[in-house]
Amino acid sequence: MSVIVTNLTKTYGEQNAVNNISFEARKGEILGFLGPNGAGKTTTMKMITGFIPPTKGAISVCGYDVQSQLIDVRRSIGYLPENNPLYLDMYIKEYLMFVGGLHKVKNKKKAVEEIIERTALTQEKHKLIGSLSKGYRQRVGLAQAMLHNPNVLILDEPTSGLDPNQLIEIRKLIRELGQEKTVVFSSHIMQEVQALCDRVIIINNGNVVANDTIDMLKQNLSDEKQITVEFSGKINLKKLKESVDISMLEKIDSNSYLITTKSKKDIRPDIFDFAVAENVFLLEIHQKSSSIEDVFQKLTQ
């Protein structure tokens, strides 16, 4: 495992910002780290990267203990914090050369050119960071996090401020990185999480409330399913309710219905068999699926 968090707690006075949480992030995985504002996400990321110490618990990064082997941990991590602190009076290339020097990157000039190209900063590399849009500043922050080729990337809201074209490019880059590195990725954009993450952890009020793939979370947390169905003619509603496990039946128009079921099995074959028995055609049958937004709201409200 690249990142192992065990019984991690961070207390400020009487308040537990993070409350005895444990999880793992694996190599070759993009782990989504989600939660509402104030849930403890950023605090946890800062503890993993060694910027603030935990009150209790242990963190291991690539086999190094964060509290006793912090220099080795920082060599292993690339970190893009939420506020993305940059030297605004430096030029992009100048700043990345400076960062490369801090990390003692071998063949620094070549590494900087490669990371500038990889983060699509070639046309902007001679500009002052202070003159850049928020989207380009995010790219510079991502470039500095990747420059020393770390095994673990901690990205806190990495796509904030990007336009749609930049989003596509950076998402593609994060996917590529996720194949060879461990990526812990925080975002408030649920569609982005669904598109990028192999697994998600949801934290609420300092506690881990979910840790699974998105598909499994949607499957396990959905108490009921809704199916829209349209028949070619009139049907016997009493027979439909007797033939299919239905908890609620709502009429949409003359031959269309919204069926709600709490059955754990897929009831669509039963609906098909009913239509055959009634000698009507199924013109439409569509099962609505829960979204990651539904899961997030259910676990954090």
C-alpha atoms as a PDB file:
ATOM      1  CA  MET A   1       0.000   0.000   0.000  1.00  0.00           C
ATOM      2  CA  SER A   2       1.271   3.492  -0.803  1.00  0.00           C
ATOM      3  CA  VAL A   3      -0.695   5.348   1.899  1.00  0.00           C
ATOM      4  CA  ILE A   4      -1.923   3.711   5.105  1.00  0.00           C
ATOM      5  CA  VAL A   5      -3.857   5.786   7.637  1.00  0.00           C
ATOM      6  CA  THR A   6      -4.544   4.126  10.986  1.00  0.00           C
ATOM      7  CA  ASN A   7      -6.800   5.481  13.753  1.00  0.00           C
ATOM      8  CA  LEU A   8      -6.051   9.069  12.779  1.00  0.00           C
ATOM      9  CA  THR A   9      -7.387  11.846  15.013  1.00  0.00           C
ATOM     10  CA  LYS A  10      -6.890  15.608  14.968  1.00  0.00           C
ATOM     11  CA  THR A  11      -8.281  17.662  17.833  1.00  0.00           C
ATOM     12  CA  TYR A  12      -8.507  21.435  18.138  1.00  0.00           C
ATOM     13  CA  GLY A  13      -9.466  22.242  21.719  1.00  0.00           C
ATOM     14  CA  GLU A  14     -12.753  20.425  22.367  1.00  0.00           C
ATOM     15  CA  GLN A  15     -13.469  19.769  18.697  1.00  0.00           C
ATOM     16  CA  ASN A  16     -12.439  16.650  16.766  1.00  0.00           C
ATOM     17  CA  ALA A  17     -11.692  17.801  13.203  1.00  0.00           C
ATOM     18  CA  VAL A  18     -10.801  14.186  12.314  1.00  0.00           C
ATOM     19  CA  ASN A  19     -12.113  11.372  14.468  1.00  0.00           C
ATOM     20  CA  ASN A  20     -10.237   8.046  14.559  1.00  0.00           C
ATOM     21  CA  ILE A  21     -10.310   7.345  10.809  1.00  0.00           C
ATOM     22  CA  SER A  22      -8.520   4.539   8.962  1.00  0.00           C
ATOM     23  CA  PHE A  23      -8.132   3.858   5.243  1.00  0.00           C
ATOM     24  CA  GLU A  24      -5.638   2.819   2.572  1.00  0.00           C
ATOM     25  CA  ALA A  25      -4.747   4.188  -0.851  1.00  0.00           C
ATOM     26  CA  ARG A  26      -3.164   1.747  -3.288  1.00  0.00           C
ATOM     27  CA  LYS A  27      -0.682   2.127  -6.117  1.00  0.00           C
ATOM     28  CA  GLY A  28      -2.349   2.373  -9.523  1.00  0.00           C
ATOM     29  CA  GLU A  29      -5.530   3.786  -8.007  1.00  0.00           C
ATOM     30  CA  ILE A  30      -7.288   7.142  -8.033  1.00  0.00           C
ATOM     31  CA  LEU A  31      -8.940   7.508  -4.650  1.00  0.00           C
ATOM     32  CA  GLY A  32     -11.658  10.135  -4.379  1.00  0.00           C
ATOM     33  CA  PHE A  33     -11.677  11.855  -0.986  1.00  0.00           C
ATOM     34  CA  LEU A  34     -15.039  13.547  -0.549  1.00  0.00           C
ATOM     35  CA  GLY A  35     -17.009  15.410   2.051  1.00  0.00           C
ATOM     36  CA  PRO A  36     -18.882  18.665   2.701  1.00  0.00           C
ATOM     37  CA  ASN A  37     -17.056  21.819   3.729  1.00  0.00           C
ATOM     38  CA  GLY A  38     -15.581  21.435   7.201  1.00  0.00           C
ATOM     39  CA  ALA A  39     -15.792  17.640   7.123  1.00  0.00           C
ATOM     40  CA  GLY A  40     -12.047  17.130   7.716  1.00  0.00           C
ATOM     41  CA  LYS A  41     -10.787  16.428   4.166  1.00  0.00           C
ATOM     42  CA  THR A  42      -8.152  19.144   3.966  1.00  0.00           C
ATOM     43  CA  THR A  43      -7.032  18.516   7.548  1.00  0.00           C
ATOM     44  CA  THR A  44      -6.497  14.838   6.700  1.00  0.00           C
ATOM     45  CA  MET A  45      -4.538  15.707   3.557  1.00  0.00           C
ATOM     46  CA  LYS A  46      -2.326  18.099   5.521  1.00  0.00           C
ATOM     47  CA  MET A  47      -1.583  15.352   8.055  1.00  0.00           C
ATOM     48  CA  ILE A  48      -0.738  12.835   5.309  1.00  0.00           C
ATOM     49  CA  THR A  49       1.709  15.309   3.757  1.00  0.00           C
ATOM     50  CA  GLY A  50       3.220  16.203   7.132  1.00  0.00           C
ATOM     51  CA  PHE A  51       2.149  19.852   7.162  1.00  0.00           C
ATOM     52  CA  ILE A  52       0.329  19.412  10.478  1.00  0.00           C
ATOM     53  CA  PRO A  53       0.873  16.665  13.080  1.00  0.00           C
ATOM     54  CA  PRO A  54      -1.903  14.292  14.119  1.00  0.00           C
ATOM     55  CA  THR A  55      -3.163  14.287  17.696  1.00  0.00           C
ATOM     56  CA  LYS A  56      -3.334  10.483  17.617  1.00  0.00           C
ATOM     57  CA  GLY A  57      -2.839   7.707  15.100  1.00  0.00           C
ATOM     58  CA  ALA A  58      -0.288   6.750  12.466  1.00  0.00           C
ATOM     59  CA  ILE A  59       0.323   7.481   8.790  1.00  0.00           C
ATOM     60  CA  SER A  60       2.605   5.527   6.476  1.00  0.00           C
ATOM     61  CA  VAL A  61       3.533   6.749   2.974  1.00  0.00           C
ATOM     62  CA  CYS A  62       5.447   4.312   0.751  1.00  0.00           C
ATOM     63  CA  GLY A  63       6.608   2.516   3.896  1.00  0.00           C
ATOM     64  CA  TYR A  64       7.817   5.707   5.644  1.00  0.00           C
ATOM     65  CA  ASP A  65       6.291   6.952   8.884  1.00  0.00           C
ATOM     66  CA  VAL A  66       5.090  10.546   8.554  1.00  0.00           C
ATOM     67  CA  GLN A  67       6.118  11.561  12.076  1.00  0.00           C
ATOM     68  CA  SER A  68       9.567   9.951  12.261  1.00  0.00           C
ATOM     69  CA  GLN A  69      10.632   9.919   8.560  1.00  0.00           C
ATOM     70  CA  LEU A  70       9.109  13.145   7.284  1.00  0.00           C
ATOM     71  CA  ILE A  71      11.859  13.999   4.768  1.00  0.00           C
ATOM     72  CA  ASP A  72      11.451  10.612   3.058  1.00  0.00           C
ATOM     73  CA  VAL A  73       7.678  11.072   3.066  1.00  0.00           C
ATOM     74  CA  ARG A  74       7.939  14.473   1.392  1.00  0.00           C
ATOM     75  CA  ARG A  75      10.239  13.047  -1.264  1.00  0.00           C
ATOM     76  CA  SER A  76       7.539  10.465  -2.013  1.00  0.00           C
ATOM     77  CA  ILE A  77       4.628  12.916  -2.220  1.00  0.00           C
ATOM     78  CA  GLY A  78       3.541  15.549  -4.708  1.00  0.00           C
ATOM     79  CA  TYR A  79       1.033  17.915  -3.098  1.00  0.00           C
ATOM     80  CA  LEU A  80      -1.323  20.427  -4.659  1.00  0.00           C
ATOM     81  CA  PRO A  81      -3.089  22.183  -1.756  1.00  0.00           C
ATOM     82  CA  GLU A  82      -6.505  23.783  -2.082  1.00  0.00           C
ATOM     83  CA  ASN A  83      -5.213  27.359  -1.948  1.00  0.00           C
ATOM     84  CA  ASN A  84      -2.305  26.588  -4.347  1.00  0.00           C
ATOM     85  CA  PRO A  85       0.361  28.950  -2.921  1.00  0.00           C
ATOM     86  CA  LEU A  86       2.639  30.240  -5.699  1.00  0.00           C
ATOM     87  CA  TYR A  87       5.308  32.923  -6.039  1.00  0.00           C
ATOM     88  CA  LEU A  88       3.353  35.398  -8.149  1.00  0.00           C
ATOM     89  CA  ASP A  89       6.392  37.526  -9.036  1.00  0.00           C
ATOM     90  CA  MET A  90       8.236  34.584 -10.640  1.00  0.00           C
ATOM     91  CA  TYR A  91       7.945  33.330 -14.212  1.00  0.00           C
ATOM     92  CA  ILE A  92       6.537  29.823 -14.726  1.00  0.00           C
ATOM     93  CA  LYS A  93       9.769  28.257 -15.942  1.00  0.00           C
ATOM     94  CA  GLU A  94      11.798  30.140 -13.335  1.00  0.00           C
ATOM     95  CA  TYR A  95       9.482  28.929 -10.565  1.00  0.00           C
ATOM     96  CA  LEU A  96       9.606  25.292 -11.709  1.00  0.00           C
ATOM     97  CA  MET A  97      13.417  25.438 -11.936  1.00  0.00           C
ATOM     98  CA  PHE A  98      13.384  26.726  -8.347  1.00  0.00           C
ATOM     99  CA  VAL A  99      11.095  23.891  -7.205  1.00  0.00           C
ATOM    100  CA  GLY A 100      13.291  21.375  -9.042  1.00  0.00           C
ATOM    101  CA  GLY A 101      16.292  22.688  -7.120  1.00  0.00           C
ATOM    102  CA  LEU A 102      14.494  22.256  -3.798  1.00  0.00           C
ATOM    103  CA  HIS A 103      13.748  18.629  -4.681  1.00  0.00           C
ATOM    104  CA  LYS A 104      17.293  18.117  -6.037  1.00  0.00           C
ATOM    105  CA  VAL A 105      15.855  16.824  -9.323  1.00  0.00           C
ATOM    106  CA  LYS A 106      18.485  15.274 -11.588  1.00  0.00           C
ATOM    107  CA  ASN A 107      18.743  16.843 -15.046  1.00  0.00           C
ATOM    108  CA  LYS A 108      16.492  19.627 -13.784  1.00  0.00           C
ATOM    109  CA  LYS A 109      16.229  21.559 -17.035  1.00  0.00           C
ATOM    110  CA  LYS A 110      14.991  18.513 -18.974  1.00  0.00           C
ATOM    111  CA  ALA A 111      12.537  17.583 -16.194  1.00  0.00           C
ATOM    112  CA  VAL A 112      11.084  21.114 -16.175  1.00  0.00           C
ATOM    113  CA  GLU A 113      10.632  21.149 -19.962  1.00  0.00           C
ATOM    114  CA  GLU A 114       8.908  17.758 -19.850  1.00  0.00           C
ATOM    115  CA  ILE A 115       6.511  18.746 -17.083  1.00  0.00           C
ATOM    116  CA  ILE A 116       5.702  22.047 -18.814  1.00  0.00           C
ATOM    117  CA  GLU A 117       4.752  20.122 -21.947  1.00  0.00           C
ATOM    118  CA  ARG A 118       2.801  17.498 -20.005  1.00  0.00           C
ATOM    119  CA  THR A 119       0.684  20.113 -18.224  1.00  0.00           C
ATOM    120  CA  ALA A 120       0.163  22.125 -21.459  1.00  0.00           C
ATOM    121  CA  LEU A 121       2.064  25.206 -20.248  1.00  0.00           C
ATOM    122  CA  THR A 122       4.420  25.514 -23.212  1.00  0.00           C
ATOM    123  CA  GLN A 123       2.822  28.671 -24.615  1.00  0.00           C
ATOM    124  CA  GLU A 124       2.773  30.314 -21.169  1.00  0.00           C
ATOM    125  CA  LYS A 125       6.127  29.250 -19.710  1.00  0.00           C
ATOM    126  CA  HIS A 126       7.732  32.711 -19.983  1.00  0.00           C
ATOM    127  CA  LYS A 127       4.799  34.519 -18.328  1.00  0.00           C
ATOM    128  CA  LEU A 128       4.679  35.846 -14.787  1.00  0.00           C
ATOM    129  CA  ILE A 129       2.603  33.592 -12.541  1.00  0.00           C
ATOM    130  CA  GLY A 130       0.831  36.685 -11.205  1.00  0.00           C
ATOM    131  CA  SER A 131      -0.518  37.442 -14.689  1.00  0.00           C
ATOM    132  CA  LEU A 132      -2.073  33.981 -15.167  1.00  0.00           C
ATOM    133  CA  SER A 133      -5.747  33.060 -14.902  1.00  0.00           C
ATOM    134  CA  LYS A 134      -6.830  30.779 -12.059  1.00  0.00           C
ATOM    135  CA  GLY A 135      -6.944  27.821 -14.453  1.00  0.00           C
ATOM    136  CA  TYR A 136      -3.332  28.281 -15.549  1.00  0.00           C
ATOM    137  CA  ARG A 137      -2.228  28.771 -11.955  1.00  0.00           C
ATOM    138  CA  GLN A 138      -3.799  25.397 -11.183  1.00  0.00           C
ATOM    139  CA  ARG A 139      -1.727  23.873 -13.974  1.00  0.00           C
ATOM    140  CA  VAL A 140       1.432  25.398 -12.501  1.00  0.00           C
ATOM    141  CA  GLY A 141       0.485  23.959  -9.105  1.00  0.00           C
ATOM    142  CA  LEU A 142      -0.032  20.537 -10.663  1.00  0.00           C
ATOM    143  CA  ALA A 143       3.299  20.826 -12.493  1.00  0.00           C
ATOM    144  CA  GLN A 144       5.205  21.555  -9.271  1.00  0.00           C
ATOM    145  CA  ALA A 145       3.492  18.603  -7.561  1.00  0.00           C
ATOM    146  CA  MET A 146       4.576  16.243 -10.362  1.00  0.00           C
ATOM    147  CA  LEU A 147       8.016  17.653 -11.096  1.00  0.00           C
ATOM    148  CA  HIS A 148      10.070  15.346  -8.842  1.00  0.00           C
ATOM    149  CA  ASN A 149       8.169  12.252 -10.095  1.00  0.00           C
ATOM    150  CA  PRO A 150       6.660  11.251  -6.727  1.00  0.00           C
ATOM    151  CA  ASN A 151       4.966   7.908  -6.127  1.00  0.00           C
ATOM    152  CA  VAL A 152       1.982   9.549  -4.399  1.00  0.00           C
ATOM    153  CA  LEU A 153      -0.004  12.591  -5.515  1.00  0.00           C
ATOM    154  CA  ILE A 154      -2.281  14.419  -3.074  1.00  0.00           C
ATOM    155  CA  LEU A 155      -4.518  16.750  -5.092  1.00  0.00           C
ATOM    156  CA  ASP A 156      -6.931  19.025  -3.225  1.00  0.00           C
ATOM    157  CA  GLU A 157      -9.460  20.485  -5.698  1.00  0.00           C
ATOM    158  CA  PRO A 158      -6.989  20.257  -8.629  1.00  0.00           C
ATOM    159  CA  THR A 159      -9.466  21.305 -11.347  1.00  0.00           C
ATOM    160  CA  SER A 160     -10.780  24.415  -9.613  1.00  0.00           C
ATOM    161  CA  GLY A 161     -11.032  27.308 -12.072  1.00  0.00           C
ATOM    162  CA  LEU A 162     -10.342  25.304 -15.234  1.00  0.00           C
ATOM    163  CA  ASP A 163     -12.390  25.953 -18.368  1.00  0.00           C
ATOM    164  CA  PRO A 164     -14.075  22.976 -20.138  1.00  0.00           C
ATOM    165  CA  ASN A 165     -11.148  22.390 -22.533  1.00  0.00           C
ATOM    166  CA  GLN A 166      -8.612  22.531 -19.703  1.00  0.00           C
ATOM    167  CA  LEU A 167     -10.772  20.152 -17.662  1.00  0.00           C
ATOM    168  CA  ILE A 168     -10.609  17.523 -20.395  1.00  0.00           C
ATOM    169  CA  GLU A 169      -6.807  17.821 -20.611  1.00  0.00           C
ATOM    170  CA  ILE A 170      -6.201  17.700 -16.859  1.00  0.00           C
ATOM    171  CA  ARG A 171      -8.646  14.817 -16.333  1.00  0.00           C
ATOM    172  CA  LYS A 172      -6.810  12.853 -19.006  1.00  0.00           C
ATOM    173  CA  LEU A 173      -3.500  13.619 -17.290  1.00  0.00           C
ATOM    174  CA  ILE A 174      -4.826  12.545 -13.874  1.00  0.00           C
ATOM    175  CA  ARG A 175      -6.125   9.275 -15.383  1.00  0.00           C
ATOM    176  CA  GLU A 176      -2.678   8.600 -16.865  1.00  0.00           C
ATOM    177  CA  LEU A 177      -1.010   9.338 -13.529  1.00  0.00           C
ATOM    178  CA  GLY A 178      -3.462   7.049 -11.749  1.00  0.00           C
ATOM    179  CA  GLN A 179      -2.217   4.073 -13.764  1.00  0.00           C
ATOM    180  CA  GLU A 180       1.311   4.331 -12.387  1.00  0.00           C
ATOM    181  CA  LYS A 181       0.996   6.248  -9.117  1.00  0.00           C
ATOM    182  CA  THR A 182      -1.251   6.556  -6.082  1.00  0.00           C
ATOM    183  CA  VAL A 183      -3.550   9.549  -6.495  1.00  0.00           C
ATOM    184  CA  VAL A 184      -5.674  10.911  -3.645  1.00  0.00           C
ATOM    185  CA  PHE A 185      -8.074  13.347  -5.225  1.00  0.00           C
ATOM    186  CA  SER A 186     -10.498  15.768  -3.576  1.00  0.00           C
ATOM    187  CA  SER A 187     -13.290  17.550  -5.450  1.00  0.00           C
ATOM    188  CA  HIS A 188     -16.748  19.021  -4.943  1.00  0.00           C
ATOM    189  CA  ILE A 189     -17.683  18.219  -8.554  1.00  0.00           C
ATOM    190  CA  MET A 190     -19.450  14.878  -8.343  1.00  0.00           C
ATOM    191  CA  GLN A 191     -19.461  14.215 -12.108  1.00  0.00           C
ATOM    192  CA  GLU A 192     -15.694  14.581 -12.069  1.00  0.00           C
ATOM    193  CA  VAL A 193     -15.371  12.133  -9.191  1.00  0.00           C
ATOM    194  CA  GLN A 194     -17.522   9.621 -11.056  1.00  0.00           C
ATOM    195  CA  ALA A 195     -15.427  10.041 -14.214  1.00  0.00           C
ATOM    196  CA  LEU A 196     -12.024   9.761 -12.537  1.00  0.00           C
ATOM    197  CA  CYS A 197     -12.084   7.741  -9.335  1.00  0.00           C
ATOM    198  CA  ASP A 198     -11.643   3.997  -8.901  1.00  0.00           C
ATOM    199  CA  ARG A 199     -12.838   4.193  -5.301  1.00  0.00           C
ATOM    200  CA  VAL A 200     -14.199   6.888  -3.008  1.00  0.00           C
ATOM    201  CA  ILE A 201     -13.978   7.679   0.676  1.00  0.00           C
ATOM    202  CA  ILE A 202     -16.655  10.000   2.054  1.00  0.00           C
ATOM    203  CA  ILE A 203     -15.896  11.807   5.292  1.00  0.00           C
ATOM    204  CA  ASN A 204     -18.490  13.684   7.328  1.00  0.00           C
ATOM    205  CA  ASN A 205     -17.988  15.493  10.659  1.00  0.00           C
ATOM    206  CA  GLY A 206     -14.515  13.972  10.892  1.00  0.00           C
ATOM    207  CA  ASN A 207     -15.730  10.378  10.406  1.00  0.00           C
ATOM    208  CA  VAL A 208     -15.405   8.026   7.419  1.00  0.00           C
ATOM    209  CA  VAL A 209     -18.993   7.194   6.420  1.00  0.00           C
ATOM    210  CA  ALA A 210     -18.221   5.309   3.178  1.00  0.00           C
ATOM    211  CA  ASN A 211     -15.279   3.538   1.556  1.00  0.00           C
ATOM    212  CA  ASP A 212     -16.066   1.633  -1.646  1.00  0.00           C
ATOM    213  CA  THR A 213     -16.383   1.866  -5.410  1.00  0.00           C
ATOM    214  CA  ILE A 214     -19.030   4.271  -6.686  1.00  0.00           C
ATOM    215  CA  ASP A 215     -21.067   1.433  -8.224  1.00  0.00           C
ATOM    216  CA  MET A 216     -21.139  -0.517  -4.965  1.00  0.00           C
ATOM    217  CA  LEU A 217     -22.088   2.575  -2.953  1.00  0.00           C
ATOM    218  CA  LYS A 218     -24.973   3.320  -5.304  1.00  0.00           C
ATOM    219  CA  GLN A 219     -26.101  -0.286  -5.163  1.00  0.00           C
ATOM    220  CA  ASN A 220     -25.866  -0.689  -1.379  1.00  0.00           C
ATOM    221  CA  LEU A 221     -27.360   2.659  -0.385  1.00  0.00           C
ATOM    222  CA  SER A 222     -30.358   2.642  -2.666  1.00  0.00           C
ATOM    223  CA  ASP A 223     -33.389   1.416  -0.689  1.00  0.00           C
ATOM    224  CA  GLU A 224     -35.650   1.568  -3.722  1.00  0.00           C
ATOM    225  CA  LYS A 225     -35.475   1.567  -7.509  1.00  0.00           C
ATOM    226  CA  GLN A 226     -37.647   3.428  -9.981  1.00  0.00           C
ATOM    227  CA  ILE A 227     -38.566   2.083 -13.402  1.00  0.00           C
ATOM    228  CA  THR A 228     -40.345   3.965 -16.171  1.00  0.00           C
ATOM    229  CA  VAL A 229     -42.410   1.664 -18.370  1.00  0.00           C
ATOM    230  CA  GLU A 230     -44.688   2.254 -21.372  1.00  0.00           C
ATOM    231  CA  PHE A 231     -47.041  -0.420 -22.715  1.00  0.00           C
ATOM    232  CA  SER A 232     -48.570  -0.480 -26.205  1.00  0.00           C
ATOM    233  CA  GLY A 233     -52.102  -0.602 -24.817  1.00  0.00           C
ATOM    234  CA  LYS A 234     -54.207  -0.629 -21.686  1.00  0.00           C
ATOM    235  CA  ILE A 235     -53.264  -3.098 -18.946  1.00  0.00           C
ATOM    236  CA  ASN A 236     -54.871  -4.595 -15.867  1.00  0.00           C
ATOM    237  CA  LEU A 237     -53.221  -2.694 -13.004  1.00  0.00           C
ATOM    238  CA  LYS A 238     -54.410  -5.202 -10.412  1.00  0.00           C
ATOM    239  CA  LYS A 239     -52.695  -8.053 -12.301  1.00  0.00           C
ATOM    240  CA  LEU A 240     -49.541  -5.954 -12.707  1.00  0.00           C
ATOM    241  CA  LYS A 241     -49.331  -5.437  -8.937  1.00  0.00           C
ATOM    242  CA  GLU A 242     -49.917  -9.165  -8.364  1.00  0.00           C
ATOM    243  CA  SER A 243     -47.270 -10.189 -10.917  1.00  0.00           C
ATOM    244  CA  VAL A 244     -44.510  -7.686 -10.009  1.00  0.00           C
ATOM    245  CA  ASP A 245     -43.051  -6.629  -6.636  1.00  0.00           C
ATOM    246  CA  ILE A 246     -44.284  -3.018  -6.639  1.00  0.00           C
ATOM    247  CA  SER A 247     -44.310  -0.681  -3.647  1.00  0.00           C
ATOM    248  CA  MET A 248     -45.753   2.297  -5.548  1.00  0.00           C
ATOM    249  CA  LEU A 249     -47.327   2.738  -8.993  1.00  0.00           C
ATOM    250  CA  GLU A 250     -47.829   6.187 -10.536  1.00  0.00           C
ATOM    251  CA  LYS A 251     -49.523   6.869 -13.862  1.00  0.00           C
ATOM    252  CA  ILE A 252     -47.549   9.191 -16.174  1.00  0.00           C
ATOM    253  CA  ASP A 253     -49.968   9.230 -19.117  1.00  0.00           C
ATOM    254  CA  SER A 254     -52.460   6.849 -20.757  1.00  0.00           C
ATOM    255  CA  ASN A 255     -50.165   3.785 -20.983  1.00  0.00           C
ATOM    256  CA  SER A 256     -47.004   4.941 -19.159  1.00  0.00           C
ATOM    257  CA  TYR A 257     -46.206   4.315 -15.487  1.00  0.00           C
ATOM    258  CA  LEU A 258     -43.533   5.019 -12.909  1.00  0.00           C
ATOM    259  CA  ILE A 259     -42.950   1.877 -10.848  1.00  0.00           C
ATOM    260  CA  THR A 260     -41.165   2.074  -7.502  1.00  0.00           C
ATOM    261  CA  THR A 261     -39.862  -1.142  -5.932  1.00  0.00           C
ATOM    262  CA  LYS A 262     -37.847  -2.057  -2.864  1.00  0.00           C
ATOM    263  CA  SER A 263     -37.036  -5.489  -4.242  1.00  0.00           C
ATOM    264  CA  LYS A 264     -33.353  -6.400  -4.196  1.00  0.00           C
ATOM    265  CA  LYS A 265     -33.732  -8.346  -7.441  1.00  0.00           C
ATOM    266  CA  ASP A 266     -34.186  -6.882 -10.919  1.00  0.00           C
ATOM    267  CA  ILE A 267     -37.961  -6.798 -11.567  1.00  0.00           C
ATOM    268  CA  ARG A 268     -37.696  -5.896 -15.268  1.00  0.00           C
ATOM    269  CA  PRO A 269     -37.948  -9.572 -16.406  1.00  0.00           C
ATOM    270  CA  ASP A 270     -41.179  -9.824 -14.362  1.00  0.00           C
ATOM    271  CA  ILE A 271     -42.563  -6.764 -16.149  1.00  0.00           C
ATOM    272  CA  PHE A 272     -41.635  -8.316 -19.495  1.00  0.00           C
ATOM    273  CA  ASP A 273     -43.353 -11.610 -18.573  1.00  0.00           C
ATOM    274  CA  PHE A 274     -46.453  -9.654 -17.504  1.00  0.00           C
ATOM    275  CA  ALA A 275     -46.562  -7.840 -20.855  1.00  0.00           C
ATOM    276  CA  VAL A 276     -46.321 -11.155 -22.727  1.00  0.00           C
ATOM    277  CA  ALA A 277     -49.127 -12.627 -20.612  1.00  0.00           C
ATOM    278  CA  GLU A 278     -51.311  -9.549 -21.252  1.00  0.00           C
ATOM    279  CA  ASN A 279     -50.532  -9.627 -25.002  1.00  0.00           C
ATOM    280  CA  VAL A 280     -49.152  -6.076 -25.055  1.00  0.00           C
ATOM    281  CA  PHE A 281     -45.794  -4.753 -26.206  1.00  0.00           C
ATOM    282  CA  LEU A 282     -43.248  -2.933 -24.068  1.00  0.00           C
ATOM    283  CA  LEU A 283     -42.533   0.338 -25.886  1.00  0.00           C
ATOM    284  CA  GLU A 284     -40.145   1.548 -23.176  1.00  0.00           C
ATOM    285  CA  ILE A 285     -38.597   0.237 -19.985  1.00  0.00           C
ATOM    286  CA  HIS A 286     -35.944   2.261 -18.218  1.00  0.00           C
ATOM    287  CA  GLN A 287     -34.524   1.872 -14.725  1.00  0.00           C
ATOM    288  CA  LYS A 288     -33.302   5.062 -13.111  1.00  0.00           C
ATOM    289  CA  SER A 289     -29.953   4.674 -11.400  1.00  0.00           C
ATOM    290  CA  SER A 290     -28.802   6.513  -8.291  1.00  0.00           C
ATOM    291  CA  SER A 291     -26.156   9.155  -8.910  1.00  0.00           C
ATOM    292  CA  ILE A 292     -23.037   9.872  -6.873  1.00  0.00           C
ATOM    293  CA  GLU A 293     -24.826  13.072  -5.805  1.00  0.00           C
ATOM    294  CA  ASP A 294     -27.639  10.964  -4.316  1.00  0.00           C
ATOM    295  CA  VAL A 295     -25.123   8.853  -2.400  1.00  0.00           C
ATOM    296  CA  PHE A 296     -23.215  11.917  -1.172  1.00  0.00           C
ATOM    297  CA  GLN A 297     -26.370  13.666   0.051  1.00  0.00           C
ATOM    298  CA  LYS A 298     -27.695  10.574   1.778  1.00  0.00           C
ATOM    299  CA  LEU A 299     -24.448  10.041   3.696  1.00  0.00           C
ATOM    300  CA  THR A 300     -23.697  13.653   4.623  1.00  0.00           C
ATOM    301  CA  GLN A 301     -27.059  15.292   5.335  1.00  0.00           C
END
